[in-house]
Amino acid sequence: MYVEKRSRNIADKSKTRKTPSLVDLCVRTVIDNVRYLGDVGETDSHLLERILPHCTVDQLLHVETSTKGRDLSSVTDKLWKNFYELQFGRESMKIVIERMKLKKVSFRWRQLYEAKLKDVQEAENKAIDRLKQLYKKEDARKQSRQVQLCTKVPPSSKRSFFAGSGPGYNMSNVKSNIMKKAKIDLMKSQEVKNLAAMKKKAVQSHHSGTTITKSSGFCGKNSASTSKHSKPLERRF
């Protein structure tokens, strides 16, 4: 009994299922490759109503631009209305509808979409330009502050010994100043003074010894000469 009921249910479901027609298979194939659509001038409207809703904004615009000699607005106008609502919101769409009713005019939703998109882009560009100007002003202010800080020079009396790193700064001047200072400190030290005093004393003592030697030698020569002259005098007497 259970097997018979199950087989009957399967048979009933198979009867209710509709085998896809060749047209349905073609429509599915086109939908899967909708990005390749171009000129659809020879396609029936009822088929386009099944295919074109699967297009993006760029794809739908490309299809309408590529189709020559046929107005697709009867199929695409409601699609553009949906894109307008998705892009700019329901409130914006309602405002547009009310304005058209008040002015008793009508525009295609593609035109309204493109006009609104242009306004939004212009507003965004203006906002971007304002931001750029603000950034430029802020950068200029920061640079001016940096230049003012760099141009300030402290008084020379407050400079440290090793201060100065500007373009005119020379390490050789610092080294020479250090050597001069070290030399002056060395000459003023007590050890150098003691060495100088000892050297001076040694020079003085050497000078006095030389003088005594010369004087004694001179006296010896004089005595010898006098002795030579005195001997003949003794023989005379």
Protein backbone atom coordinates (compact mmCIF):
# COMPACT_ATOMS: atom_id res chain seq x y z
CA MET A 1 0.00 0.00 0.00
CA TYR A 2 2.74 2.49 0.94
CA VAL A 3 4.67 1.77 -2.23
CA GLU A 4 1.62 2.29 -4.40
CA LYS A 5 0.81 5.68 -2.78
CA ARG A 6 4.38 6.88 -3.20
CA SER A 7 4.44 5.92 -6.86
CA ARG A 8 1.16 7.75 -7.43
CA ASN A 9 2.50 10.93 -5.78
CA ILE A 10 5.58 10.89 -7.97
CA ALA A 11 3.43 10.41 -11.05
CA ASP A 12 1.19 13.34 -10.05
CA LYS A 13 4.20 15.64 -9.50
CA SER A 14 5.67 14.71 -12.84
CA LYS A 15 2.40 15.62 -14.49
CA THR A 16 2.22 19.00 -12.76
CA ARG A 17 5.81 19.90 -13.77
CA LYS A 18 5.93 21.83 -17.00
CA THR A 19 8.65 21.02 -19.43
CA PRO A 20 10.49 24.29 -20.39
CA SER A 21 9.91 25.38 -23.91
CA LEU A 22 12.61 26.32 -26.36
CA VAL A 23 11.80 30.01 -25.83
CA ASP A 24 12.20 29.67 -22.07
CA LEU A 25 15.55 27.96 -22.53
CA CYS A 26 16.68 30.77 -24.83
CA VAL A 27 15.54 33.45 -22.37
CA ARG A 28 17.45 31.75 -19.54
CA THR A 29 20.54 31.57 -21.71
CA VAL A 30 20.27 35.29 -22.57
CA ILE A 31 19.80 36.19 -18.89
CA ASP A 32 22.93 34.22 -17.99
CA ASN A 33 24.86 36.19 -20.62
CA VAL A 34 23.09 39.54 -20.24
CA ARG A 35 26.43 41.36 -19.99
CA TYR A 36 26.98 40.64 -23.67
CA LEU A 37 23.68 42.20 -24.85
CA GLY A 38 23.80 44.97 -27.40
CA ASP A 39 21.30 45.86 -30.09
CA VAL A 40 17.92 44.27 -29.27
CA GLY A 41 15.90 46.06 -31.91
CA GLU A 42 14.44 42.85 -33.36
CA THR A 43 13.53 41.30 -30.00
CA ASP A 44 9.90 41.18 -28.93
CA SER A 45 8.87 43.45 -26.08
CA HIS A 46 7.44 40.63 -23.93
CA LEU A 47 10.85 38.90 -24.10
CA LEU A 48 12.68 42.12 -23.25
CA GLU A 49 10.43 42.52 -20.22
CA ARG A 50 11.77 39.19 -18.98
CA ILE A 51 15.42 39.85 -19.88
CA LEU A 52 16.18 43.53 -19.24
CA PRO A 53 15.25 43.56 -15.51
CA HIS A 54 18.37 41.46 -14.96
CA CYS A 55 20.61 44.26 -16.32
CA THR A 56 22.64 46.64 -14.22
CA VAL A 57 22.57 50.40 -14.79
CA ASP A 58 25.55 50.30 -17.12
CA GLN A 59 24.25 47.27 -18.99
CA LEU A 60 20.80 48.79 -19.51
CA LEU A 61 22.36 52.04 -20.71
CA HIS A 62 24.54 50.10 -23.12
CA VAL A 63 21.53 48.19 -24.52
CA GLU A 64 19.55 51.40 -25.10
CA THR A 65 22.52 53.17 -26.64
CA SER A 66 23.33 50.23 -28.92
CA THR A 67 19.75 49.74 -30.13
CA LYS A 68 19.21 51.86 -33.23
CA GLY A 69 15.86 52.71 -34.78
CA ARG A 70 13.76 51.62 -31.80
CA ASP A 71 12.58 53.31 -28.62
CA LEU A 72 12.85 50.99 -25.63
CA SER A 73 11.41 53.43 -23.08
CA SER A 74 8.13 51.51 -22.92
CA VAL A 75 10.11 48.63 -21.40
CA THR A 76 13.00 50.43 -19.70
CA ASP A 77 11.26 53.46 -18.17
CA LYS A 78 10.02 51.57 -15.13
CA LEU A 79 13.46 49.99 -14.79
CA TRP A 80 15.05 53.44 -14.65
CA LYS A 81 12.49 54.46 -12.05
CA ASN A 82 13.59 51.54 -9.89
CA PHE A 83 17.25 52.51 -10.35
CA TYR A 84 16.41 56.10 -9.34
CA GLU A 85 14.76 54.93 -6.15
CA LEU A 86 17.62 52.57 -5.31
CA GLN A 87 20.29 55.20 -5.98
CA PHE A 88 18.74 58.35 -4.50
CA GLY A 89 16.01 57.06 -2.16
CA ARG A 90 12.24 56.88 -2.12
CA GLU A 91 11.82 60.42 -0.73
CA SER A 92 13.76 61.94 -3.60
CA MET A 93 11.64 59.97 -6.07
CA LYS A 94 8.43 61.22 -4.45
CA ILE A 95 9.62 64.82 -4.62
CA VAL A 96 10.32 64.45 -8.34
CA ILE A 97 6.86 62.96 -8.96
CA GLU A 98 5.15 65.79 -7.05
CA ARG A 99 7.09 68.45 -8.94
CA MET A 100 6.12 66.93 -12.29
CA LYS A 101 2.48 66.88 -11.22
CA LEU A 102 2.56 70.48 -10.08
CA LYS A 103 4.22 71.69 -13.26
CA LYS A 104 2.18 69.29 -15.38
CA VAL A 105 5.20 67.96 -17.18
CA SER A 106 6.66 64.50 -17.55
CA PHE A 107 10.17 63.25 -18.16
CA ARG A 108 11.58 59.86 -18.75
CA TRP A 109 13.15 58.32 -15.71
CA ARG A 110 16.38 57.81 -17.55
CA GLN A 111 16.65 61.56 -18.07
CA LEU A 112 15.76 62.20 -14.45
CA TYR A 113 18.30 59.64 -13.30
CA GLU A 114 21.11 61.13 -15.39
CA ALA A 115 20.23 64.71 -14.33
CA LYS A 116 20.14 63.76 -10.66
CA LEU A 117 23.38 61.84 -10.97
CA LYS A 118 25.05 64.87 -12.57
CA ASP A 119 23.85 67.16 -9.76
CA VAL A 120 25.13 64.75 -7.13
CA GLN A 121 28.51 64.48 -8.83
CA GLU A 122 28.83 68.26 -9.12
CA ALA A 123 27.97 68.66 -5.44
CA GLU A 124 30.54 66.02 -4.53
CA ASN A 125 33.18 67.72 -6.68
CA LYS A 126 32.49 71.05 -5.00
CA ALA A 127 32.76 69.46 -1.59
CA ILE A 128 36.03 67.80 -2.60
CA ASP A 129 37.38 71.12 -3.88
CA ARG A 130 36.47 72.82 -0.61
CA LEU A 131 38.24 70.09 1.34
CA LYS A 132 41.32 70.46 -0.86
CA GLN A 133 41.38 74.21 -0.25
CA LEU A 134 41.09 73.67 3.50
CA TYR A 135 43.94 71.16 3.43
CA LYS A 136 46.10 73.57 1.40
CA LYS A 137 45.45 76.40 3.84
CA GLU A 138 46.29 74.18 6.78
CA ASP A 139 49.51 72.99 5.12
CA ALA A 140 50.49 76.58 4.31
CA ARG A 141 49.85 77.61 7.90
CA LYS A 142 51.99 74.77 9.23
CA GLN A 143 54.81 75.57 6.78
CA SER A 144 54.75 79.25 7.70
CA ARG A 145 55.04 78.35 11.37
CA GLN A 146 57.96 76.05 10.63
CA VAL A 147 59.75 78.76 8.64
CA GLN A 148 59.29 81.30 11.44
CA LEU A 149 60.74 78.89 13.96
CA CYS A 150 63.76 78.16 11.76
CA THR A 151 64.54 81.83 11.07
CA LYS A 152 64.76 82.78 14.77
CA VAL A 153 68.39 83.06 15.93
CA PRO A 154 69.19 83.15 19.67
CA PRO A 155 71.54 85.87 21.02
CA SER A 156 75.25 85.12 20.75
CA SER A 157 75.76 85.52 24.51
CA LYS A 158 73.36 82.67 25.20
CA ARG A 159 74.93 80.29 22.75
CA SER A 160 76.67 77.30 24.21
CA PHE A 161 80.23 76.43 23.26
CA PHE A 162 79.12 73.67 20.92
CA ALA A 163 76.01 75.50 19.61
CA GLY A 164 75.49 76.14 15.96
CA SER A 165 74.52 73.69 13.32
CA GLY A 166 73.63 76.07 10.52
CA PRO A 167 75.09 76.25 7.05
CA GLY A 168 78.06 78.37 8.28
CA TYR A 169 78.98 75.96 11.03
CA ASN A 170 82.55 74.59 10.82
CA MET A 171 83.96 71.83 13.04
CA SER A 172 87.55 73.02 12.45
CA ASN A 173 86.82 76.27 14.30
CA VAL A 174 85.53 74.33 17.27
CA LYS A 175 88.59 72.06 17.30
CA SER A 176 90.99 75.04 17.10
CA ASN A 177 89.17 76.78 19.96
CA ILE A 178 89.40 73.62 22.05
CA MET A 179 93.15 73.32 21.40
CA LYS A 180 93.74 76.98 22.26
CA LYS A 181 91.83 76.65 25.49
CA ALA A 182 93.69 73.45 26.42
CA LYS A 183 97.03 75.13 25.67
CA ILE A 184 96.17 78.14 27.82
CA ASP A 185 95.08 75.89 30.68
CA LEU A 186 98.31 73.92 30.38
CA MET A 187 100.48 77.07 30.47
CA LYS A 188 98.64 78.25 33.57
CA SER A 189 99.07 74.94 35.43
CA GLN A 190 101.42 74.74 38.41
CA GLU A 191 103.51 71.94 36.91
CA VAL A 192 104.42 74.03 33.88
CA LYS A 193 105.26 76.95 36.14
CA ASN A 194 107.55 74.71 38.23
CA LEU A 195 109.28 73.36 35.13
CA ALA A 196 109.80 76.87 33.83
CA ALA A 197 111.29 77.98 37.16
CA MET A 198 113.62 74.97 37.26
CA LYS A 199 114.70 75.60 33.69
CA LYS A 200 115.36 79.23 34.42
CA LYS A 201 117.39 78.36 37.53
CA ALA A 202 119.42 75.80 35.60
CA VAL A 203 120.19 78.36 32.89
CA GLN A 204 121.28 80.89 35.48
CA SER A 205 123.55 78.41 37.27
CA HIS A 206 125.10 77.30 34.00
CA HIS A 207 125.75 80.90 33.03
CA SER A 208 127.44 81.71 36.37
CA GLY A 209 129.70 78.61 36.13
CA THR A 210 130.81 79.56 32.65
CA THR A 211 131.68 83.06 33.82
CA ILE A 212 133.82 81.75 36.70
CA THR A 213 135.73 79.36 34.41
CA LYS A 214 136.49 82.11 31.94
CA SER A 215 137.70 84.46 34.66
CA SER A 216 140.00 81.84 36.21
CA GLY A 217 141.51 81.01 32.87
CA PHE A 218 142.16 84.64 32.24
CA CYS A 219 143.89 85.02 35.59
CA GLY A 220 146.17 82.01 34.88
CA LYS A 221 147.29 83.47 31.60
CA ASN A 222 148.09 86.76 33.24
CA SER A 223 150.21 85.12 35.96
CA ALA A 224 152.15 83.14 33.39
CA SER A 225 152.87 86.22 31.40
CA THR A 226 154.02 88.12 34.45
CA SER A 227 156.33 85.28 35.44
CA LYS A 228 157.90 85.29 32.03
CA HIS A 229 158.53 89.01 32.26
CA SER A 230 159.86 88.87 35.78
CA LYS A 231 162.63 86.33 35.12
CA PRO A 232 164.77 88.57 32.91
CA LEU A 233 164.59 91.23 35.54
CA GLU A 234 166.06 88.91 38.09
CA ARG A 235 168.98 88.02 35.81
CA ARG A 236 169.77 91.68 35.31
CA PHE A 237 170.24 92.22 38.95
